Protein backbone atom coordinates (compact mmCIF):
# COMPACT_ATOMS: atom_id res chain seq x y z
CA MET A 1 -51.64 -5.25 4.71
CA PRO A 2 -51.26 -6.19 1.24
CA ASP A 3 -50.23 -2.41 0.11
CA ARG A 4 -47.73 -2.58 3.14
CA MET A 5 -45.98 -6.27 1.79
CA PRO A 6 -44.18 -4.42 -1.21
CA LYS A 7 -42.71 -1.34 0.99
CA VAL A 8 -41.47 -3.91 3.31
CA VAL A 9 -39.88 -5.84 0.99
CA LEU A 10 -38.23 -3.13 -0.77
CA ALA A 11 -36.63 -1.62 2.38
CA LEU A 12 -35.87 -5.56 3.32
CA LEU A 13 -33.96 -5.44 -0.10
CA ALA A 14 -32.24 -1.96 0.26
CA GLY A 15 -31.20 -2.98 3.65
CA LEU A 16 -29.61 -6.33 1.86
CA ILE A 17 -28.02 -4.19 -0.62
CA ALA A 18 -26.21 -1.43 1.47
CA LEU A 19 -24.94 -4.48 3.91
CA ALA A 20 -23.42 -6.19 0.63
CA LEU A 21 -22.15 -2.72 -0.83
CA GLY A 22 -21.03 -1.72 2.84
CA SER A 23 -19.05 -5.15 3.59
CA GLY A 24 -17.19 -4.84 0.15
CA ALA A 25 -16.67 -1.23 1.08
CA GLN A 26 -13.14 -1.91 2.59
CA ALA A 27 -10.83 -2.78 -0.57
CA GLN A 28 -8.40 -5.31 -0.42
CA ALA A 29 -5.35 -5.63 -2.12
CA PRO A 30 -5.03 -7.45 -5.22
CA LYS A 31 -4.40 -11.50 -4.31
CA GLY A 32 -1.30 -11.10 -6.69
CA LEU A 33 0.10 -8.52 -4.65
CA ALA A 34 0.71 -11.36 -1.59
CA GLY A 35 3.99 -12.84 -1.34
CA THR A 36 7.61 -11.27 -0.91
CA TRP A 37 9.20 -9.02 -3.44
CA LYS A 38 12.99 -8.50 -3.88
CA LEU A 39 14.27 -5.08 -5.73
CA ASN A 40 15.80 -5.29 -8.83
CA ALA A 41 18.36 -2.75 -8.50
CA ALA A 42 19.59 -3.09 -12.25
CA LYS A 43 16.07 -1.89 -13.26
CA SER A 44 15.49 0.78 -10.64
CA LYS A 45 15.97 3.93 -10.69
CA PHE A 46 17.13 6.21 -7.44
CA SER A 47 17.47 10.20 -7.52
CA PRO A 48 19.13 11.11 -5.78
CA GLY A 49 21.04 7.67 -5.54
CA PRO A 50 22.47 5.61 -4.56
CA ALA A 51 20.34 2.55 -4.66
CA PRO A 52 19.37 0.52 -1.16
CA LYS A 53 22.04 -2.40 -1.25
CA SER A 54 18.99 -4.64 -0.62
CA MET A 55 15.42 -4.58 -0.45
CA THR A 56 12.50 -7.05 -0.19
CA VAL A 57 8.89 -5.99 0.45
CA THR A 58 6.36 -8.79 1.53
CA TYR A 59 2.66 -8.46 1.40
CA THR A 60 0.30 -10.70 3.52
CA PRO A 61 -3.50 -10.69 3.70
CA ALA A 62 -4.61 -10.13 7.08
CA GLY A 63 -8.27 -10.42 7.16
CA ASP A 64 -9.82 -7.30 5.96
CA SER A 65 -6.24 -6.01 5.63
CA ILE A 66 -2.82 -6.16 4.10
CA LYS A 67 0.28 -6.34 6.29
CA ILE A 68 3.05 -4.81 4.73
CA VAL A 69 6.82 -5.87 6.10
CA VAL A 70 9.96 -4.39 3.95
CA ASP A 71 13.57 -5.15 5.10
CA VAL A 72 15.94 -2.92 3.56
CA THR A 73 19.57 -2.13 3.85
CA PRO A 74 20.36 1.04 2.75
CA PRO A 75 23.58 2.37 1.19
CA GLU A 76 24.92 3.50 4.76
CA GLY A 77 23.82 2.64 8.19
CA PRO A 78 22.28 -0.78 9.52
CA ALA A 79 20.05 -2.86 8.01
CA GLN A 80 15.94 -1.56 8.86
CA HIS A 81 12.93 -3.67 9.41
CA TRP A 82 9.56 -1.88 9.05
CA GLU A 83 5.93 -2.91 9.22
CA MET A 84 2.41 -1.77 8.88
CA THR A 85 -1.12 -3.03 8.50
CA GLY A 86 -3.60 -0.89 7.41
CA ASN A 87 -6.97 -1.10 4.83
CA TYR A 88 -6.91 0.23 1.70
CA ASP A 89 -9.52 3.04 2.48
CA GLY A 90 -7.37 5.98 2.70
CA LYS A 91 -7.48 5.93 6.87
CA GLU A 92 -4.21 6.44 8.65
CA TYR A 93 -2.17 3.38 10.37
CA PRO A 94 0.92 3.18 12.07
CA VAL A 95 4.21 2.33 10.79
CA THR A 96 7.06 0.36 12.99
CA GLY A 97 10.72 0.58 12.38
CA ASN A 98 10.82 3.16 9.41
CA PRO A 99 12.54 6.18 10.60
CA ASN A 100 10.86 8.09 7.56
CA ALA A 101 7.38 7.54 8.61
CA ASP A 102 5.15 6.86 11.91
CA MET A 103 2.01 6.70 9.67
CA ALA A 104 0.66 5.59 6.24
CA SER A 105 -2.63 5.40 4.54
CA PHE A 106 -3.72 3.00 1.44
CA LYS A 107 -5.82 3.69 -1.59
CA LEU A 108 -6.45 1.30 -4.80
CA VAL A 109 -6.62 2.95 -8.22
CA ASN A 110 -7.99 0.28 -9.71
CA ASP A 111 -7.13 -3.98 -9.16
CA ARG A 112 -3.91 -3.51 -9.97
CA THR A 113 -2.98 0.16 -9.03
CA GLY A 114 -2.54 1.46 -5.28
CA VAL A 115 -1.29 4.75 -3.59
CA SER A 116 0.31 5.01 -0.50
CA THR A 117 1.15 7.85 1.67
CA PHE A 118 3.47 8.18 4.77
CA LYS A 119 3.88 10.46 7.34
CA LYS A 120 6.07 11.46 10.05
CA ASP A 121 5.11 14.16 12.67
CA GLY A 122 2.18 14.84 10.65
CA LYS A 123 4.19 15.68 7.30
CA VAL A 124 4.06 13.67 4.58
CA THR A 125 7.73 12.48 3.58
CA ALA A 126 6.39 10.12 0.68
CA THR A 127 3.93 9.51 -1.77
CA ASN A 128 4.59 5.71 -3.45
CA ARG A 129 2.33 4.35 -6.25
CA ARG A 130 2.41 0.83 -6.84
CA VAL A 131 1.34 -0.97 -10.33
CA LEU A 132 1.23 -4.66 -10.57
CA SER A 133 2.41 -6.19 -13.39
CA ALA A 134 -0.72 -8.40 -15.71
CA ASP A 135 1.13 -11.01 -15.20
CA GLY A 136 1.46 -11.07 -11.79
CA LYS A 137 5.63 -11.07 -11.94
CA THR A 138 6.83 -7.14 -11.67
CA LEU A 139 5.88 -4.96 -8.83
CA THR A 140 6.72 -1.23 -9.41
CA ILE A 141 6.77 1.32 -7.36
CA THR A 142 7.27 5.28 -8.26
CA SER A 143 8.26 7.26 -4.68
CA LYS A 144 8.43 10.41 -4.70
CA GLY A 145 8.84 12.96 -1.39
CA ARG A 146 12.21 14.52 0.37
CA THR A 147 15.14 12.98 1.99
CA ALA A 148 16.41 13.54 5.33
CA ASP A 149 18.30 16.52 4.29
CA GLY A 150 15.18 18.05 2.20
CA LYS A 151 16.19 16.86 -1.35
CA ALA A 152 13.29 16.38 -3.72
CA ARG A 153 13.61 12.45 -4.34
CA ASN A 154 12.12 10.59 -7.19
CA ASP A 155 12.40 6.71 -7.22
CA LEU A 156 11.41 4.28 -9.78
CA GLN A 157 11.54 0.64 -7.84
CA VAL A 158 11.46 -2.51 -9.23
CA PHE A 159 10.34 -5.59 -7.83
CA GLU A 160 10.29 -9.31 -8.67
CA LYS A 161 8.90 -12.30 -6.91
């Protein structure tokens, strides 16, 4: 029995370590990301333009997930309200209200950088790289994708709290 004790203890420790690592595997958004961010159009660049009339993005922790709400008034047409909730685990989650996306996936690059991929009907429509400044006051999103008429789109969006 004494020879088995170390093996049992090691097995128990390995199981506890695996459980602890597994519970942290679903990376959460950085705490500094939570809150409402407003687009600073003067510091942003939209190619092709023009910039939206207004845009806010709100990040809210939702358990192990993050809820993202976007309110945007495009240069033309009615205001839009988009919502999505997901984990930073690379899996796809539903998007509602966005005319150019019905699914999105999220991955963390590091504690201040994340990448989101948006799809419509299974095709990638945009890839966004989000970087939170070290002081937590600026959120920069570089977005690459296609416009509704198929033109390449490269936007640099600067948001402030």
